[in-house]
Amino acid sequence: MNDLANTKRGIRPRDAASLVLIDDRAGEPRILMGRRHSRMKFIPDAFVFPGGKLDQGDIGVRPASGFAEATAEAVKRAAASRLKAEALAAAAIRETFEETGLFIARQGDVGDAAGEGWTPFRERGLAPRFDVLDFVARAITPASSPIRFHARFFAANAEAASGDLKGSGELEDLGWYTVSEALKLPVIDVTEFVLHEIARRRKGERRARAPLYSYRNDKPVVRG
């Protein structure tokens, strides 16, 4: 798909990031998901992973630990620069805390550049951990959509999370769902694709590079 052409025809996608937390302690992996409130403008009532749009305050956040080498290269290809790659990872971790109450962090200083959304981390002397993140995929909303995002999907093992699971109200029915259970929930096609990608990776089937899920004439196209 010519992403630039689609951008010209419609609304420019906003950068966003999500985090897929995976609990591997049982036989089948369980994924942390929640249902978006019915009053939301974008995909109401759909089950999603914690995540949201990139905020200005995510740029320049100082992590407690950097990306593993393979993840750094994968995210950089999907984000065009190391600075933006780190900002997207920070956004995924911040949004996960805001929506679930869970920290993917350890002792550290987020730095003066970190925005207001990082206050809970700063107050606890915590900074985000990038070393536990894997990069799964990215997706761009159809050009015909009135609300568009260019989303990057990270993954981390649930053991990396700390804190008490508690929703902010943005996600309802927040809980851990096996992949097979999650695929039966009301999810959009992008979420379904990421779930299948997680299942593939759990079987040792990894693509050469993280895929892009996008659209041509409103029909899904997978590259990578």
N, C-alpha and C. Protein backbone atom coordinates (compact mmCIF):
# COMPACT_ATOMS: atom_id res chain seq x y z
N MET A 1 0.84 -1.19 0.00
CA MET A 1 0.00 0.00 0.00
C MET A 1 0.87 1.23 0.00
N ASN A 2 0.47 2.25 -0.75
CA ASN A 2 1.19 3.51 -0.73
C ASN A 2 0.69 4.33 0.43
N ASP A 3 1.40 4.25 1.56
CA ASP A 3 0.93 4.92 2.78
C ASP A 3 0.89 6.43 2.59
N LEU A 4 1.86 6.97 1.82
CA LEU A 4 1.89 8.40 1.60
C LEU A 4 0.67 8.85 0.82
N ALA A 5 0.30 8.06 -0.20
CA ALA A 5 -0.88 8.42 -0.99
C ALA A 5 -2.13 8.41 -0.12
N ASN A 6 -2.24 7.40 0.73
CA ASN A 6 -3.41 7.32 1.61
C ASN A 6 -3.44 8.48 2.59
N THR A 7 -2.25 8.90 3.05
CA THR A 7 -2.20 10.03 3.97
C THR A 7 -2.70 11.29 3.30
N LYS A 8 -2.36 11.46 2.01
CA LYS A 8 -2.80 12.65 1.28
C LYS A 8 -4.30 12.64 1.06
N ARG A 9 -4.88 11.45 0.87
CA ARG A 9 -6.32 11.38 0.60
C ARG A 9 -7.16 11.60 1.86
N GLY A 10 -6.60 11.29 3.02
CA GLY A 10 -7.39 11.37 4.23
C GLY A 10 -6.68 12.10 5.34
N ILE A 11 -7.05 11.78 6.55
CA ILE A 11 -6.48 12.39 7.74
C ILE A 11 -5.13 11.75 8.03
N ARG A 12 -4.16 12.56 8.36
CA ARG A 12 -2.83 12.04 8.67
C ARG A 12 -2.89 11.20 9.95
N PRO A 13 -2.36 9.98 9.94
CA PRO A 13 -2.41 9.14 11.14
C PRO A 13 -1.58 9.72 12.28
N ARG A 14 -2.10 9.59 13.49
CA ARG A 14 -1.37 10.01 14.68
C ARG A 14 -0.57 8.83 15.22
N ASP A 15 0.63 9.11 15.70
CA ASP A 15 1.46 8.06 16.27
C ASP A 15 0.84 7.53 17.55
N ALA A 16 0.88 6.21 17.71
CA ALA A 16 0.31 5.57 18.90
C ALA A 16 1.11 4.30 19.20
N ALA A 17 0.92 3.78 20.40
CA ALA A 17 1.64 2.57 20.79
C ALA A 17 0.81 1.76 21.78
N SER A 18 0.93 0.45 21.70
CA SER A 18 0.23 -0.46 22.60
C SER A 18 1.22 -1.47 23.16
N LEU A 19 0.86 -2.03 24.31
CA LEU A 19 1.70 -3.04 24.94
C LEU A 19 0.89 -4.31 25.17
N VAL A 20 1.38 -5.41 24.62
CA VAL A 20 0.76 -6.72 24.80
C VAL A 20 1.49 -7.41 25.95
N LEU A 21 0.84 -7.50 27.10
CA LEU A 21 1.43 -8.20 28.24
C LEU A 21 1.02 -9.67 28.16
N ILE A 22 1.99 -10.57 28.28
CA ILE A 22 1.76 -12.00 28.07
C ILE A 22 2.13 -12.78 29.32
N ASP A 23 1.16 -13.53 29.84
CA ASP A 23 1.38 -14.40 30.99
C ASP A 23 1.57 -15.82 30.47
N ASP A 24 2.80 -16.32 30.59
CA ASP A 24 3.14 -17.64 30.04
C ASP A 24 3.11 -18.75 31.08
N ARG A 25 2.62 -18.46 32.26
CA ARG A 25 2.72 -19.45 33.34
C ARG A 25 1.79 -20.64 33.14
N ALA A 26 0.71 -20.47 32.41
CA ALA A 26 -0.20 -21.58 32.13
C ALA A 26 0.17 -22.20 30.78
N GLY A 27 -0.58 -23.21 30.37
CA GLY A 27 -0.29 -23.88 29.12
C GLY A 27 -0.43 -22.97 27.92
N GLU A 28 -1.53 -22.24 27.86
CA GLU A 28 -1.75 -21.31 26.75
C GLU A 28 -1.50 -19.89 27.24
N PRO A 29 -0.77 -19.08 26.48
CA PRO A 29 -0.50 -17.71 26.91
C PRO A 29 -1.78 -16.93 27.17
N ARG A 30 -1.76 -16.13 28.22
CA ARG A 30 -2.88 -15.25 28.54
C ARG A 30 -2.44 -13.81 28.28
N ILE A 31 -3.36 -13.04 27.70
CA ILE A 31 -3.07 -11.67 27.28
C ILE A 31 -3.92 -10.69 28.08
N LEU A 32 -3.32 -9.60 28.52
CA LEU A 32 -4.07 -8.57 29.25
C LEU A 32 -4.82 -7.69 28.25
N MET A 33 -6.14 -7.66 28.37
CA MET A 33 -6.98 -6.87 27.46
C MET A 33 -8.14 -6.26 28.23
N GLY A 34 -8.74 -5.25 27.65
CA GLY A 34 -9.92 -4.63 28.23
C GLY A 34 -10.82 -4.10 27.15
N ARG A 35 -12.05 -3.82 27.51
CA ARG A 35 -13.04 -3.34 26.53
C ARG A 35 -13.16 -1.82 26.60
N ARG A 36 -13.03 -1.19 25.47
CA ARG A 36 -13.15 0.27 25.40
C ARG A 36 -14.59 0.69 25.71
N HIS A 37 -14.71 1.79 26.44
CA HIS A 37 -16.02 2.24 26.88
C HIS A 37 -16.93 2.55 25.68
N SER A 38 -18.20 2.34 25.85
CA SER A 38 -19.16 2.53 24.76
C SER A 38 -19.27 3.98 24.31
N ARG A 39 -18.85 4.92 25.17
CA ARG A 39 -18.95 6.34 24.82
C ARG A 39 -17.74 6.84 24.02
N MET A 40 -16.75 6.00 23.85
CA MET A 40 -15.55 6.42 23.12
C MET A 40 -15.83 6.56 21.63
N LYS A 41 -15.18 7.55 21.01
CA LYS A 41 -15.39 7.80 19.58
C LYS A 41 -14.70 6.75 18.72
N PHE A 42 -13.54 6.28 19.17
CA PHE A 42 -12.76 5.34 18.37
C PHE A 42 -13.00 3.92 18.88
N ILE A 43 -13.44 3.06 18.01
CA ILE A 43 -13.76 1.63 18.27
C ILE A 43 -14.38 1.39 19.66
N PRO A 44 -15.54 1.97 19.93
CA PRO A 44 -16.21 1.71 21.21
C PRO A 44 -16.60 0.24 21.35
N ASP A 45 -16.56 -0.26 22.60
CA ASP A 45 -16.96 -1.63 22.95
C ASP A 45 -16.03 -2.71 22.42
N ALA A 46 -14.95 -2.34 21.77
CA ALA A 46 -14.01 -3.33 21.27
C ALA A 46 -12.97 -3.66 22.35
N PHE A 47 -12.55 -4.91 22.39
CA PHE A 47 -11.48 -5.31 23.31
C PHE A 47 -10.14 -4.98 22.67
N VAL A 48 -9.26 -4.40 23.47
CA VAL A 48 -7.97 -3.94 22.96
C VAL A 48 -6.87 -4.22 24.00
N PHE A 49 -5.64 -4.04 23.58
CA PHE A 49 -4.50 -4.06 24.48
C PHE A 49 -4.35 -2.66 25.08
N PRO A 50 -3.75 -2.51 26.24
CA PRO A 50 -3.50 -1.17 26.77
C PRO A 50 -2.66 -0.37 25.78
N GLY A 51 -3.00 0.89 25.61
CA GLY A 51 -2.24 1.72 24.69
C GLY A 51 -2.94 3.03 24.39
N GLY A 52 -2.29 3.86 23.59
CA GLY A 52 -2.87 5.15 23.24
C GLY A 52 -1.90 5.96 22.41
N LYS A 53 -2.25 7.21 22.19
CA LYS A 53 -1.45 8.05 21.30
C LYS A 53 -0.17 8.55 21.98
N LEU A 54 0.80 8.84 21.15
CA LEU A 54 2.06 9.39 21.61
C LEU A 54 1.84 10.82 22.07
N ASP A 55 2.30 11.13 23.28
CA ASP A 55 2.21 12.49 23.82
C ASP A 55 3.56 13.18 23.70
N GLN A 56 3.53 14.50 23.64
CA GLN A 56 4.77 15.26 23.59
C GLN A 56 5.65 14.95 24.79
N GLY A 57 5.02 14.71 25.95
CA GLY A 57 5.76 14.42 27.16
C GLY A 57 6.45 13.08 27.18
N ASP A 58 6.21 12.23 26.15
CA ASP A 58 6.88 10.94 26.06
C ASP A 58 8.24 11.06 25.36
N ILE A 59 8.44 12.18 24.68
CA ILE A 59 9.68 12.38 23.94
C ILE A 59 10.78 12.84 24.90
N GLY A 60 11.85 12.11 24.92
CA GLY A 60 12.95 12.47 25.80
C GLY A 60 12.88 11.85 27.18
N VAL A 61 11.90 10.95 27.41
CA VAL A 61 11.84 10.24 28.68
C VAL A 61 13.11 9.40 28.85
N ARG A 62 13.69 9.46 30.02
CA ARG A 62 14.92 8.72 30.29
C ARG A 62 14.57 7.33 30.83
N PRO A 63 14.88 6.26 30.09
CA PRO A 63 14.53 4.91 30.55
C PRO A 63 15.51 4.40 31.61
N ALA A 64 15.06 3.44 32.40
CA ALA A 64 15.94 2.78 33.36
C ALA A 64 16.87 1.82 32.63
N SER A 65 16.42 1.30 31.50
CA SER A 65 17.24 0.38 30.70
C SER A 65 16.83 0.50 29.25
N GLY A 66 17.78 0.39 28.34
CA GLY A 66 17.50 0.54 26.92
C GLY A 66 17.03 -0.74 26.26
N PHE A 67 16.72 -0.64 24.98
CA PHE A 67 16.26 -1.79 24.20
C PHE A 67 17.36 -2.85 24.08
N ALA A 68 16.93 -4.10 24.00
CA ALA A 68 17.83 -5.15 23.53
C ALA A 68 18.18 -4.83 22.08
N GLU A 69 19.33 -5.28 21.62
CA GLU A 69 19.82 -4.90 20.30
C GLU A 69 18.83 -5.22 19.18
N ALA A 70 18.28 -6.42 19.19
CA ALA A 70 17.35 -6.82 18.11
C ALA A 70 16.09 -5.96 18.12
N THR A 71 15.59 -5.66 19.32
CA THR A 71 14.39 -4.83 19.42
C THR A 71 14.69 -3.41 18.96
N ALA A 72 15.85 -2.89 19.32
CA ALA A 72 16.22 -1.53 18.92
C ALA A 72 16.19 -1.37 17.41
N GLU A 73 16.76 -2.35 16.70
CA GLU A 73 16.78 -2.28 15.24
C GLU A 73 15.38 -2.39 14.65
N ALA A 74 14.55 -3.28 15.21
CA ALA A 74 13.19 -3.48 14.69
C ALA A 74 12.34 -2.23 14.89
N VAL A 75 12.43 -1.63 16.07
CA VAL A 75 11.62 -0.44 16.35
C VAL A 75 12.11 0.75 15.54
N LYS A 76 13.40 0.88 15.41
CA LYS A 76 13.94 2.00 14.64
C LYS A 76 13.45 1.96 13.19
N ARG A 77 13.39 0.74 12.61
CA ARG A 77 12.88 0.62 11.23
C ARG A 77 11.43 1.07 11.14
N ALA A 78 10.68 0.85 12.22
CA ALA A 78 9.25 1.19 12.22
C ALA A 78 8.97 2.62 12.68
N ALA A 79 10.01 3.29 13.19
CA ALA A 79 9.78 4.63 13.74
C ALA A 79 10.65 5.70 13.11
N ALA A 80 11.60 5.31 12.27
CA ALA A 80 12.46 6.23 11.51
C ALA A 80 13.62 6.81 12.30
N SER A 81 13.55 6.83 13.64
CA SER A 81 14.66 7.35 14.43
C SER A 81 14.68 6.69 15.80
N ARG A 82 15.84 6.69 16.43
CA ARG A 82 15.98 6.11 17.77
C ARG A 82 15.16 6.90 18.78
N LEU A 83 15.16 8.23 18.66
CA LEU A 83 14.42 9.08 19.59
C LEU A 83 12.93 8.76 19.55
N LYS A 84 12.38 8.64 18.34
CA LYS A 84 10.95 8.34 18.21
C LYS A 84 10.65 6.92 18.66
N ALA A 85 11.55 5.99 18.39
CA ALA A 85 11.35 4.60 18.83
C ALA A 85 11.23 4.56 20.35
N GLU A 86 12.11 5.27 21.03
CA GLU A 86 12.08 5.29 22.49
C GLU A 86 10.82 6.00 23.00
N ALA A 87 10.41 7.06 22.32
CA ALA A 87 9.20 7.78 22.73
C ALA A 87 7.97 6.88 22.60
N LEU A 88 7.90 6.08 21.54
CA LEU A 88 6.77 5.18 21.34
C LEU A 88 6.75 4.09 22.41
N ALA A 89 7.92 3.55 22.75
CA ALA A 89 7.98 2.55 23.82
C ALA A 89 7.55 3.17 25.14
N ALA A 90 7.99 4.39 25.38
CA ALA A 90 7.59 5.09 26.61
C ALA A 90 6.08 5.30 26.64
N ALA A 91 5.49 5.67 25.50
CA ALA A 91 4.05 5.88 25.44
C ALA A 91 3.29 4.60 25.77
N ALA A 92 3.77 3.48 25.23
CA ALA A 92 3.10 2.19 25.50
C ALA A 92 3.15 1.86 26.99
N ILE A 93 4.28 2.13 27.64
CA ILE A 93 4.42 1.84 29.06
C ILE A 93 3.59 2.81 29.92
N ARG A 94 3.60 4.08 29.54
CA ARG A 94 2.79 5.07 30.28
C ARG A 94 1.31 4.74 30.18
N GLU A 95 0.84 4.47 28.97
CA GLU A 95 -0.57 4.16 28.77
C GLU A 95 -0.96 2.89 29.51
N THR A 96 -0.07 1.92 29.55
CA THR A 96 -0.35 0.68 30.28
C THR A 96 -0.57 0.96 31.76
N PHE A 97 0.26 1.82 32.33
CA PHE A 97 0.05 2.18 33.74
C PHE A 97 -1.28 2.91 33.92
N GLU A 98 -1.55 3.88 33.04
CA GLU A 98 -2.77 4.68 33.19
C GLU A 98 -4.03 3.82 33.08
N GLU A 99 -3.99 2.82 32.22
CA GLU A 99 -5.19 2.02 31.97
C GLU A 99 -5.31 0.76 32.82
N THR A 100 -4.17 0.31 33.38
CA THR A 100 -4.21 -0.95 34.13
C THR A 100 -3.63 -0.86 35.54
N GLY A 101 -2.89 0.19 35.85
CA GLY A 101 -2.25 0.30 37.15
C GLY A 101 -0.94 -0.46 37.25
N LEU A 102 -0.47 -1.05 36.16
CA LEU A 102 0.76 -1.85 36.18
C LEU A 102 1.94 -1.05 35.63
N PHE A 103 3.07 -1.17 36.32
CA PHE A 103 4.31 -0.52 35.91
C PHE A 103 5.22 -1.51 35.18
N ILE A 104 5.78 -1.09 34.07
CA ILE A 104 6.88 -1.81 33.43
C ILE A 104 8.08 -0.90 33.65
N ALA A 105 8.65 -1.01 34.83
CA ALA A 105 9.65 -0.03 35.26
C ALA A 105 10.50 -0.60 36.38
N ARG A 106 11.58 0.11 36.65
CA ARG A 106 12.39 -0.18 37.82
C ARG A 106 13.01 1.12 38.30
N GLN A 107 13.80 1.08 39.35
CA GLN A 107 14.35 2.30 39.92
C GLN A 107 15.09 3.11 38.87
N GLY A 108 14.79 4.40 38.82
CA GLY A 108 15.42 5.26 37.84
C GLY A 108 14.81 6.65 37.86
N ASP A 109 15.32 7.51 37.02
CA ASP A 109 14.87 8.90 36.93
C ASP A 109 14.41 9.17 35.51
N VAL A 110 13.12 9.51 35.34
CA VAL A 110 12.59 9.74 33.98
C VAL A 110 13.14 11.02 33.36
N GLY A 111 13.73 11.88 34.18
CA GLY A 111 14.34 13.10 33.65
C GLY A 111 13.38 14.26 33.55
N ASP A 112 13.95 15.44 33.36
CA ASP A 112 13.15 16.67 33.33
C ASP A 112 12.27 16.78 32.09
N ALA A 113 12.65 16.09 31.01
CA ALA A 113 11.88 16.19 29.76
C ALA A 113 10.56 15.44 29.83
N ALA A 114 10.45 14.49 30.75
CA ALA A 114 9.23 13.70 30.86
C ALA A 114 8.05 14.57 31.25
N GLY A 115 6.92 14.40 30.57
CA GLY A 115 5.75 15.23 30.80
C GLY A 115 4.95 14.85 32.04
N GLU A 116 3.81 15.51 32.18
CA GLU A 116 2.95 15.35 33.35
C GLU A 116 2.49 13.91 33.54
N GLY A 117 2.30 13.20 32.45
CA GLY A 117 1.83 11.82 32.54
C GLY A 117 2.82 10.90 33.24
N TRP A 118 4.04 11.37 33.41
CA TRP A 118 5.08 10.58 34.06
C TRP A 118 5.22 10.88 35.54
N THR A 119 4.34 11.73 36.08
CA THR A 119 4.40 12.06 37.50
C THR A 119 4.35 10.84 38.42
N PRO A 120 3.43 9.86 38.17
CA PRO A 120 3.41 8.68 39.06
C PRO A 120 4.73 7.93 39.08
N PHE A 121 5.44 7.90 37.96
CA PHE A 121 6.74 7.24 37.90
C PHE A 121 7.76 8.06 38.69
N ARG A 122 7.75 9.38 38.44
CA ARG A 122 8.70 10.27 39.11
C ARG A 122 8.53 10.22 40.62
N GLU A 123 7.28 10.20 41.08
CA GLU A 123 7.01 10.18 42.52
C GLU A 123 7.52 8.91 43.19
N ARG A 124 7.57 7.82 42.44
CA ARG A 124 8.00 6.53 42.99
C ARG A 124 9.47 6.23 42.70
N GLY A 125 10.13 7.17 42.02
CA GLY A 125 11.53 6.94 41.66
C GLY A 125 11.69 5.84 40.65
N LEU A 126 10.74 5.74 39.71
CA LEU A 126 10.76 4.69 38.69
C LEU A 126 10.96 5.28 37.30
N ALA A 127 11.52 4.48 36.43
CA ALA A 127 11.66 4.85 35.02
C ALA A 127 11.33 3.62 34.18
N PRO A 128 10.84 3.81 32.95
CA PRO A 128 10.40 2.68 32.14
C PRO A 128 11.55 1.75 31.75
N ARG A 129 11.21 0.47 31.62
CA ARG A 129 12.16 -0.55 31.17
C ARG A 129 11.90 -0.86 29.71
N PHE A 130 12.90 -0.64 28.88
CA PHE A 130 12.78 -1.00 27.47
C PHE A 130 13.42 -2.36 27.20
N ASP A 131 14.26 -2.84 28.12
CA ASP A 131 14.99 -4.08 27.88
C ASP A 131 14.08 -5.31 27.83
N VAL A 132 12.88 -5.20 28.43
CA VAL A 132 11.96 -6.34 28.46
C VAL A 132 10.99 -6.33 27.29
N LEU A 133 11.09 -5.33 26.43
CA LEU A 133 10.15 -5.19 25.32
C LEU A 133 10.60 -5.93 24.07
N ASP A 134 9.62 -6.50 23.39
CA ASP A 134 9.80 -7.06 22.06
C ASP A 134 8.93 -6.23 21.13
N PHE A 135 9.31 -6.12 19.87
CA PHE A 135 8.49 -5.38 18.92
C PHE A 135 7.77 -6.37 18.02
N VAL A 136 6.43 -6.27 17.99
CA VAL A 136 5.61 -7.28 17.33
C VAL A 136 5.17 -6.86 15.93
N ALA A 137 4.59 -5.67 15.81
CA ALA A 137 4.00 -5.26 14.54
C ALA A 137 3.64 -3.78 14.59
N ARG A 138 3.26 -3.28 13.44
CA ARG A 138 2.67 -1.94 13.39
C ARG A 138 1.46 -1.96 12.47
N ALA A 139 0.59 -0.99 12.63
CA ALA A 139 -0.63 -0.95 11.82
C ALA A 139 -1.04 0.49 11.57
N ILE A 140 -1.60 0.72 10.40
CA ILE A 140 -2.08 2.06 10.04
C ILE A 140 -3.57 1.97 9.70
N THR A 141 -4.36 2.79 10.36
CA THR A 141 -5.80 2.82 10.17
C THR A 141 -6.14 3.19 8.72
N PRO A 142 -7.24 2.68 8.16
CA PRO A 142 -7.60 2.99 6.78
C PRO A 142 -7.72 4.50 6.52
N ALA A 143 -7.40 4.90 5.30
CA ALA A 143 -7.47 6.32 4.92
C ALA A 143 -8.89 6.85 5.01
N SER A 144 -9.88 5.97 4.90
CA SER A 144 -11.28 6.41 4.94
C SER A 144 -11.78 6.67 6.36
N SER A 145 -11.00 6.27 7.36
CA SER A 145 -11.44 6.43 8.74
C SER A 145 -11.34 7.88 9.19
N PRO A 146 -12.34 8.40 9.93
CA PRO A 146 -12.29 9.79 10.41
C PRO A 146 -11.28 9.98 11.53
N ILE A 147 -10.87 8.90 12.19
CA ILE A 147 -9.83 8.93 13.22
C ILE A 147 -8.78 7.91 12.83
N ARG A 148 -7.53 8.37 12.67
CA ARG A 148 -6.49 7.49 12.15
C ARG A 148 -5.30 7.43 13.10
N PHE A 149 -4.70 6.24 13.20
CA PHE A 149 -3.51 6.05 14.00
C PHE A 149 -2.48 5.21 13.25
N HIS A 150 -1.24 5.50 13.51
CA HIS A 150 -0.13 4.64 13.09
C HIS A 150 0.37 4.02 14.38
N ALA A 151 -0.08 2.81 14.66
CA ALA A 151 0.17 2.17 15.95
C ALA A 151 1.32 1.19 15.88
N ARG A 152 2.15 1.19 16.93
CA ARG A 152 3.22 0.21 17.07
C ARG A 152 2.88 -0.68 18.25
N PHE A 153 3.04 -1.98 18.07
CA PHE A 153 2.68 -2.95 19.10
C PHE A 153 3.93 -3.59 19.70
N PHE A 154 4.11 -3.35 20.99
CA PHE A 154 5.20 -3.96 21.74
C PHE A 154 4.63 -5.13 22.55
N ALA A 155 5.51 -5.99 23.02
CA ALA A 155 5.09 -7.11 23.88
C ALA A 155 6.10 -7.24 25.01
N ALA A 156 5.61 -7.74 26.15
CA ALA A 156 6.48 -8.00 27.29
C ALA A 156 5.87 -9.12 28.12
N ASN A 157 6.71 -9.86 28.81
CA ASN A 157 6.22 -10.90 29.70
C ASN A 157 5.58 -10.26 30.93
N ALA A 158 4.50 -10.85 31.40
CA ALA A 158 3.78 -10.31 32.55
C ALA A 158 4.65 -10.23 33.79
N GLU A 159 5.68 -11.06 33.87
CA GLU A 159 6.56 -11.05 35.03
C GLU A 159 7.33 -9.75 35.15
N ALA A 160 7.41 -8.98 34.07
CA ALA A 160 8.10 -7.69 34.11
C ALA A 160 7.24 -6.60 34.73
N ALA A 161 5.95 -6.86 34.91
CA ALA A 161 5.02 -5.86 35.44
C ALA A 161 4.96 -5.91 36.96
N SER A 162 4.78 -4.75 37.56
CA SER A 162 4.59 -4.65 39.00
C SER A 162 3.40 -3.75 39.28
N GLY A 163 2.86 -3.86 40.50
CA GLY A 163 1.69 -3.06 40.85
C GLY A 163 0.43 -3.90 40.88
N ASP A 164 -0.67 -3.25 41.23
CA ASP A 164 -1.97 -3.93 41.32
C ASP A 164 -2.80 -3.63 40.09
N LEU A 165 -3.38 -4.68 39.53
CA LEU A 165 -4.22 -4.51 38.35
C LEU A 165 -5.51 -3.79 38.74
N LYS A 166 -5.67 -2.60 38.20
CA LYS A 166 -6.88 -1.82 38.48
C LYS A 166 -7.13 -0.87 37.31
N GLY A 167 -8.31 -0.91 36.78
CA GLY A 167 -8.64 -0.09 35.64
C GLY A 167 -8.84 1.37 35.99
N SER A 168 -8.64 2.23 35.02
CA SER A 168 -8.86 3.67 35.20
C SER A 168 -10.28 4.05 34.81
N GLY A 169 -11.02 3.08 34.27
CA GLY A 169 -12.35 3.38 33.77
C GLY A 169 -12.38 3.46 32.26
N GLU A 170 -11.20 3.66 31.66
CA GLU A 170 -11.14 3.74 30.20
C GLU A 170 -11.35 2.36 29.58
N LEU A 171 -10.80 1.33 30.26
CA LEU A 171 -10.99 -0.05 29.81
C LEU A 171 -11.84 -0.80 30.82
N GLU A 172 -12.93 -1.37 30.36
CA GLU A 172 -13.79 -2.17 31.22
C GLU A 172 -13.49 -3.65 31.00
N ASP A 173 -13.99 -4.50 31.89
CA ASP A 173 -13.76 -5.95 31.77
C ASP A 173 -12.28 -6.27 31.61
N LEU A 174 -11.45 -5.51 32.32
CA LEU A 174 -10.01 -5.68 32.24
C LEU A 174 -9.61 -7.02 32.85
N GLY A 175 -8.85 -7.82 32.12
CA GLY A 175 -8.45 -9.12 32.64
C GLY A 175 -7.52 -9.85 31.71
N TRP A 176 -7.14 -11.05 32.14
CA TRP A 176 -6.23 -11.89 31.38
C TRP A 176 -7.04 -12.92 30.59
N TYR A 177 -6.85 -12.94 29.29
CA TYR A 177 -7.60 -13.83 28.41
C TYR A 177 -6.61 -14.69 27.61
N THR A 178 -6.89 -15.99 27.52
CA THR A 178 -6.06 -16.81 26.64
C THR A 178 -6.25 -16.31 25.21
N VAL A 179 -5.30 -16.64 24.36
CA VAL A 179 -5.40 -16.20 22.96
C VAL A 179 -6.68 -16.71 22.33
N SER A 180 -7.03 -17.96 22.60
CA SER A 180 -8.25 -18.52 22.02
C SER A 180 -9.49 -17.80 22.54
N GLU A 181 -9.49 -17.44 23.83
CA GLU A 181 -10.62 -16.67 24.38
C GLU A 181 -10.66 -15.29 23.77
N ALA A 182 -9.51 -14.65 23.65
CA ALA A 182 -9.46 -13.29 23.12
C ALA A 182 -9.97 -13.21 21.69
N LEU A 183 -9.69 -14.25 20.90
CA LEU A 183 -10.13 -14.24 19.50
C LEU A 183 -11.65 -14.38 19.37
N LYS A 184 -12.32 -14.78 20.44
CA LYS A 184 -13.78 -14.87 20.43
C LYS A 184 -14.44 -13.60 20.94
N LEU A 185 -13.64 -12.68 21.46
CA LEU A 185 -14.16 -11.40 21.95
C LEU A 185 -14.42 -10.46 20.77
N PRO A 186 -15.20 -9.40 20.99
CA PRO A 186 -15.37 -8.40 19.93
C PRO A 186 -14.09 -7.60 19.75
N VAL A 187 -13.27 -7.99 18.78
CA VAL A 187 -12.02 -7.30 18.50
C VAL A 187 -12.02 -6.84 17.04
N ILE A 188 -11.25 -5.80 16.76
CA ILE A 188 -11.12 -5.34 15.37
C ILE A 188 -10.07 -6.20 14.67
N ASP A 189 -9.97 -6.05 13.37
CA ASP A 189 -9.08 -6.91 12.58
C ASP A 189 -7.61 -6.75 12.97
N VAL A 190 -7.20 -5.53 13.31
CA VAL A 190 -5.80 -5.31 13.69
C VAL A 190 -5.47 -6.08 14.96
N THR A 191 -6.36 -6.02 15.96
CA THR A 191 -6.14 -6.74 17.20
C THR A 191 -6.08 -8.24 16.95
N GLU A 192 -6.97 -8.72 16.10
CA GLU A 192 -6.96 -10.15 15.75
C GLU A 192 -5.63 -10.53 15.10
N PHE A 193 -5.14 -9.67 14.21
CA PHE A 193 -3.87 -9.94 13.55
C PHE A 193 -2.73 -10.03 14.56
N VAL A 194 -2.68 -9.09 15.52
CA VAL A 194 -1.61 -9.08 16.52
C VAL A 194 -1.71 -10.32 17.40
N LEU A 195 -2.91 -10.73 17.77
CA LEU A 195 -3.09 -11.95 18.56
C LEU A 195 -2.53 -13.17 17.82
N HIS A 196 -2.83 -13.27 16.55
CA HIS A 196 -2.29 -14.38 15.75
C HIS A 196 -0.77 -14.29 15.66
N GLU A 197 -0.25 -13.07 15.57
CA GLU A 197 1.20 -12.88 15.49
C GLU A 197 1.87 -13.32 16.79
N ILE A 198 1.23 -13.00 17.92
CA ILE A 198 1.75 -13.44 19.22
C ILE A 198 1.75 -14.97 19.28
N ALA A 199 0.67 -15.60 18.84
CA ALA A 199 0.58 -17.06 18.84
C ALA A 199 1.66 -17.68 17.97
N ARG A 200 1.91 -17.08 16.82
CA ARG A 200 2.96 -17.56 15.91
C ARG A 200 4.33 -17.52 16.61
N ARG A 201 4.60 -16.41 17.26
CA ARG A 201 5.90 -16.25 17.92
C ARG A 201 6.07 -17.25 19.05
N ARG A 202 4.98 -17.54 19.76
CA ARG A 202 5.04 -18.51 20.85
C ARG A 202 5.38 -19.90 20.33
N LYS A 203 5.11 -20.15 19.05
CA LYS A 203 5.43 -21.44 18.43
C LYS A 203 6.81 -21.41 17.78
N GLY A 204 7.51 -20.29 17.92
CA GLY A 204 8.84 -20.17 17.33
C GLY A 204 8.82 -19.74 15.88
N GLU A 205 7.67 -19.27 15.39
CA GLU A 205 7.55 -18.83 13.99
C GLU A 205 7.66 -17.30 13.94
N ARG A 206 8.84 -16.81 13.69
CA ARG A 206 9.08 -15.37 13.64
C ARG A 206 9.37 -14.93 12.22
N ARG A 207 8.79 -13.81 11.84
CA ARG A 207 9.07 -13.24 10.52
C ARG A 207 10.46 -12.61 10.53
N ALA A 208 10.98 -12.37 9.33
CA ALA A 208 12.29 -11.74 9.22
C ALA A 208 12.27 -10.33 9.79
N ARG A 209 11.12 -9.67 9.67
CA ARG A 209 10.96 -8.33 10.24
C ARG A 209 9.52 -8.15 10.68
N ALA A 210 9.31 -7.25 11.63
CA ALA A 210 7.96 -7.03 12.16
C ALA A 210 7.03 -6.56 11.04
N PRO A 211 5.85 -7.16 10.91
CA PRO A 211 4.95 -6.83 9.80
C PRO A 211 4.21 -5.50 9.97
N LEU A 212 3.79 -4.97 8.85
CA LEU A 212 2.92 -3.79 8.81
C LEU A 212 1.55 -4.24 8.33
N TYR A 213 0.53 -3.95 9.13
CA TYR A 213 -0.86 -4.25 8.76
C TYR A 213 -1.48 -2.92 8.33
N SER A 214 -1.82 -2.80 7.06
CA SER A 214 -2.39 -1.57 6.55
C SER A 214 -3.52 -1.89 5.58
N TYR A 215 -3.91 -0.93 4.78
CA TYR A 215 -5.08 -1.12 3.91
C TYR A 215 -4.83 -0.51 2.54
N ARG A 216 -5.36 -1.18 1.53
CA ARG A 216 -5.41 -0.65 0.18
C ARG A 216 -6.86 -0.69 -0.26
N ASN A 217 -7.42 0.46 -0.55
CA ASN A 217 -8.85 0.55 -0.89
C ASN A 217 -9.71 -0.09 0.20
N ASP A 218 -9.32 0.18 1.45
CA ASP A 218 -10.03 -0.31 2.63
C ASP A 218 -9.98 -1.81 2.82
N LYS A 219 -9.10 -2.48 2.10
CA LYS A 219 -8.92 -3.92 2.28
C LYS A 219 -7.55 -4.18 2.92
N PRO A 220 -7.51 -5.07 3.94
CA PRO A 220 -6.25 -5.31 4.66
C PRO A 220 -5.14 -5.83 3.76
N VAL A 221 -3.95 -5.31 4.03
CA VAL A 221 -2.74 -5.75 3.34
C VAL A 221 -1.65 -5.92 4.40
N VAL A 222 -0.95 -7.05 4.38
CA VAL A 222 0.12 -7.32 5.33
C VAL A 222 1.45 -7.33 4.59
N ARG A 223 2.38 -6.54 5.08
CA ARG A 223 3.73 -6.50 4.50
C ARG A 223 4.75 -6.83 5.58
N GLY A 224 5.83 -7.50 5.17
CA GLY A 224 6.90 -7.79 6.11
C GLY A 224 6.86 -9.25 6.56
